[in-house]
Amino acid sequence: MGRAILLGLEFLVAADIINTVAIEPTIQSLLILGGIVLIRTFLSFSLEVEIEGRWPWERHKDEVEPSRRSA
């Protein structure tokens, strides 16, 4: 379920970018787009942490350590 929400957030960000570029881009619309992208990026990051149960930068350590243990 969480992965579907993350995918949906990515599509919504893409739709907002396309909408801003397709319609007359103004400074105000670009600032609003920037705010929307920041909020959705934060939500995506938070959901990723909830789903994985660890910080994104800890993923690499978990993949490297098991290979050291088996050696």
C-alpha atoms as a PDB file:
ATOM      1  CA  MET A   1       0.000   0.000   0.000  1.00  0.00           C
ATOM      2  CA  GLY A   2       2.804   2.408   0.896  1.00  0.00           C
ATOM      3  CA  ARG A   3       4.604   1.786  -2.401  1.00  0.00           C
ATOM      4  CA  ALA A   4       1.400   2.650  -4.298  1.00  0.00           C
ATOM      5  CA  ILE A   5       1.135   5.925  -2.375  1.00  0.00           C
ATOM      6  CA  LEU A   6       4.772   6.740  -3.192  1.00  0.00           C
ATOM      7  CA  LEU A   7       4.149   6.057  -6.873  1.00  0.00           C
ATOM      8  CA  GLY A   8       1.050   8.231  -6.784  1.00  0.00           C
ATOM      9  CA  LEU A   9       3.027  11.089  -5.225  1.00  0.00           C
ATOM     10  CA  GLU A  10       5.611  10.815  -8.008  1.00  0.00           C
ATOM     11  CA  PHE A  11       2.895  11.021 -10.654  1.00  0.00           C
ATOM     12  CA  LEU A  12       1.339  14.040  -8.938  1.00  0.00           C
ATOM     13  CA  VAL A  13       4.702  15.852  -8.882  1.00  0.00           C
ATOM     14  CA  ALA A  14       5.176  15.112 -12.595  1.00  0.00           C
ATOM     15  CA  ALA A  15       1.650  16.315 -13.358  1.00  0.00           C
ATOM     16  CA  ASP A  16       2.262  19.572 -11.460  1.00  0.00           C
ATOM     17  CA  ILE A  17       5.510  20.172 -13.350  1.00  0.00           C
ATOM     18  CA  ILE A  18       3.831  19.553 -16.708  1.00  0.00           C
ATOM     19  CA  ASN A  19       0.901  21.756 -15.729  1.00  0.00           C
ATOM     20  CA  THR A  20       3.196  24.610 -14.716  1.00  0.00           C
ATOM     21  CA  VAL A  21       5.238  24.395 -17.912  1.00  0.00           C
ATOM     22  CA  ALA A  22       2.210  23.974 -20.218  1.00  0.00           C
ATOM     23  CA  ILE A  23       0.368  26.980 -18.791  1.00  0.00           C
ATOM     24  CA  GLU A  24       1.972  30.391 -18.848  1.00  0.00           C
ATOM     25  CA  PRO A  25       4.871  30.030 -16.374  1.00  0.00           C
ATOM     26  CA  THR A  26       5.072  32.957 -13.999  1.00  0.00           C
ATOM     27  CA  ILE A  27       7.232  33.536 -10.951  1.00  0.00           C
ATOM     28  CA  GLN A  28       4.238  32.920  -8.698  1.00  0.00           C
ATOM     29  CA  SER A  29       3.362  29.603 -10.350  1.00  0.00           C
ATOM     30  CA  LEU A  30       7.009  28.488 -10.174  1.00  0.00           C
ATOM     31  CA  LEU A  31       7.175  29.346  -6.465  1.00  0.00           C
ATOM     32  CA  ILE A  32       3.959  27.436  -5.816  1.00  0.00           C
ATOM     33  CA  LEU A  33       5.335  24.492  -7.781  1.00  0.00           C
ATOM     34  CA  GLY A  34       8.538  24.589  -5.731  1.00  0.00           C
ATOM     35  CA  GLY A  35       6.537  24.499  -2.507  1.00  0.00           C
ATOM     36  CA  ILE A  36       4.396  21.609  -3.720  1.00  0.00           C
ATOM     37  CA  VAL A  37       7.469  19.645  -4.803  1.00  0.00           C
ATOM     38  CA  LEU A  38       9.159  20.254  -1.422  1.00  0.00           C
ATOM     39  CA  ILE A  39       6.094  19.091   0.508  1.00  0.00           C
ATOM     40  CA  ARG A  40       5.621  15.992  -1.641  1.00  0.00           C
ATOM     41  CA  THR A  41       9.322  15.160  -1.469  1.00  0.00           C
ATOM     42  CA  PHE A  42       9.144  15.336   2.328  1.00  0.00           C
ATOM     43  CA  LEU A  43       6.079  13.090   2.314  1.00  0.00           C
ATOM     44  CA  SER A  44       7.797  10.588   0.020  1.00  0.00           C
ATOM     45  CA  PHE A  45      10.882  10.570   2.232  1.00  0.00           C
ATOM     46  CA  SER A  46       8.764  10.048   5.361  1.00  0.00           C
ATOM     47  CA  LEU A  47       6.824   7.196   3.756  1.00  0.00           C
ATOM     48  CA  GLU A  48      10.052   5.535   2.606  1.00  0.00           C
ATOM     49  CA  VAL A  49      11.401   5.631   6.161  1.00  0.00           C
ATOM     50  CA  GLU A  50       8.137   4.154   7.473  1.00  0.00           C
ATOM     51  CA  ILE A  51       8.088   1.357   4.890  1.00  0.00           C
ATOM     52  CA  GLU A  52      11.758   0.374   5.166  1.00  0.00           C
ATOM     53  CA  GLY A  53      12.094   0.977   8.902  1.00  0.00           C
ATOM     54  CA  ARG A  54      15.505   2.643   8.483  1.00  0.00           C
ATOM     55  CA  TRP A  55      17.083   5.761   7.038  1.00  0.00           C
ATOM     56  CA  PRO A  56      17.865   5.629   3.306  1.00  0.00           C
ATOM     57  CA  TRP A  57      21.604   6.022   3.893  1.00  0.00           C
ATOM     58  CA  GLU A  58      21.587   2.961   6.211  1.00  0.00           C
ATOM     59  CA  ARG A  59      20.517   0.689   3.342  1.00  0.00           C
ATOM     60  CA  HIS A  60      24.049   0.528   1.928  1.00  0.00           C
ATOM     61  CA  LYS A  61      25.533  -0.491   5.304  1.00  0.00           C
ATOM     62  CA  ASP A  62      23.048  -3.373   5.632  1.00  0.00           C
ATOM     63  CA  GLU A  63      23.949  -4.667   2.164  1.00  0.00           C
ATOM     64  CA  VAL A  64      27.711  -4.529   2.802  1.00  0.00           C
ATOM     65  CA  GLU A  65      27.810  -6.001   6.317  1.00  0.00           C
ATOM     66  CA  PRO A  66      26.250  -9.434   5.520  1.00  0.00           C
ATOM     67  CA  SER A  67      28.970 -10.087   2.938  1.00  0.00           C
ATOM     68  CA  ARG A  68      31.632  -9.342   5.540  1.00  0.00           C
ATOM     69  CA  ARG A  69      30.042 -11.765   7.994  1.00  0.00           C
ATOM     70  CA  SER A  70      30.086 -14.650   5.522  1.00  0.00           C
ATOM     71  CA  ALA A  71      33.770 -14.128   4.683  1.00  0.00           C
END
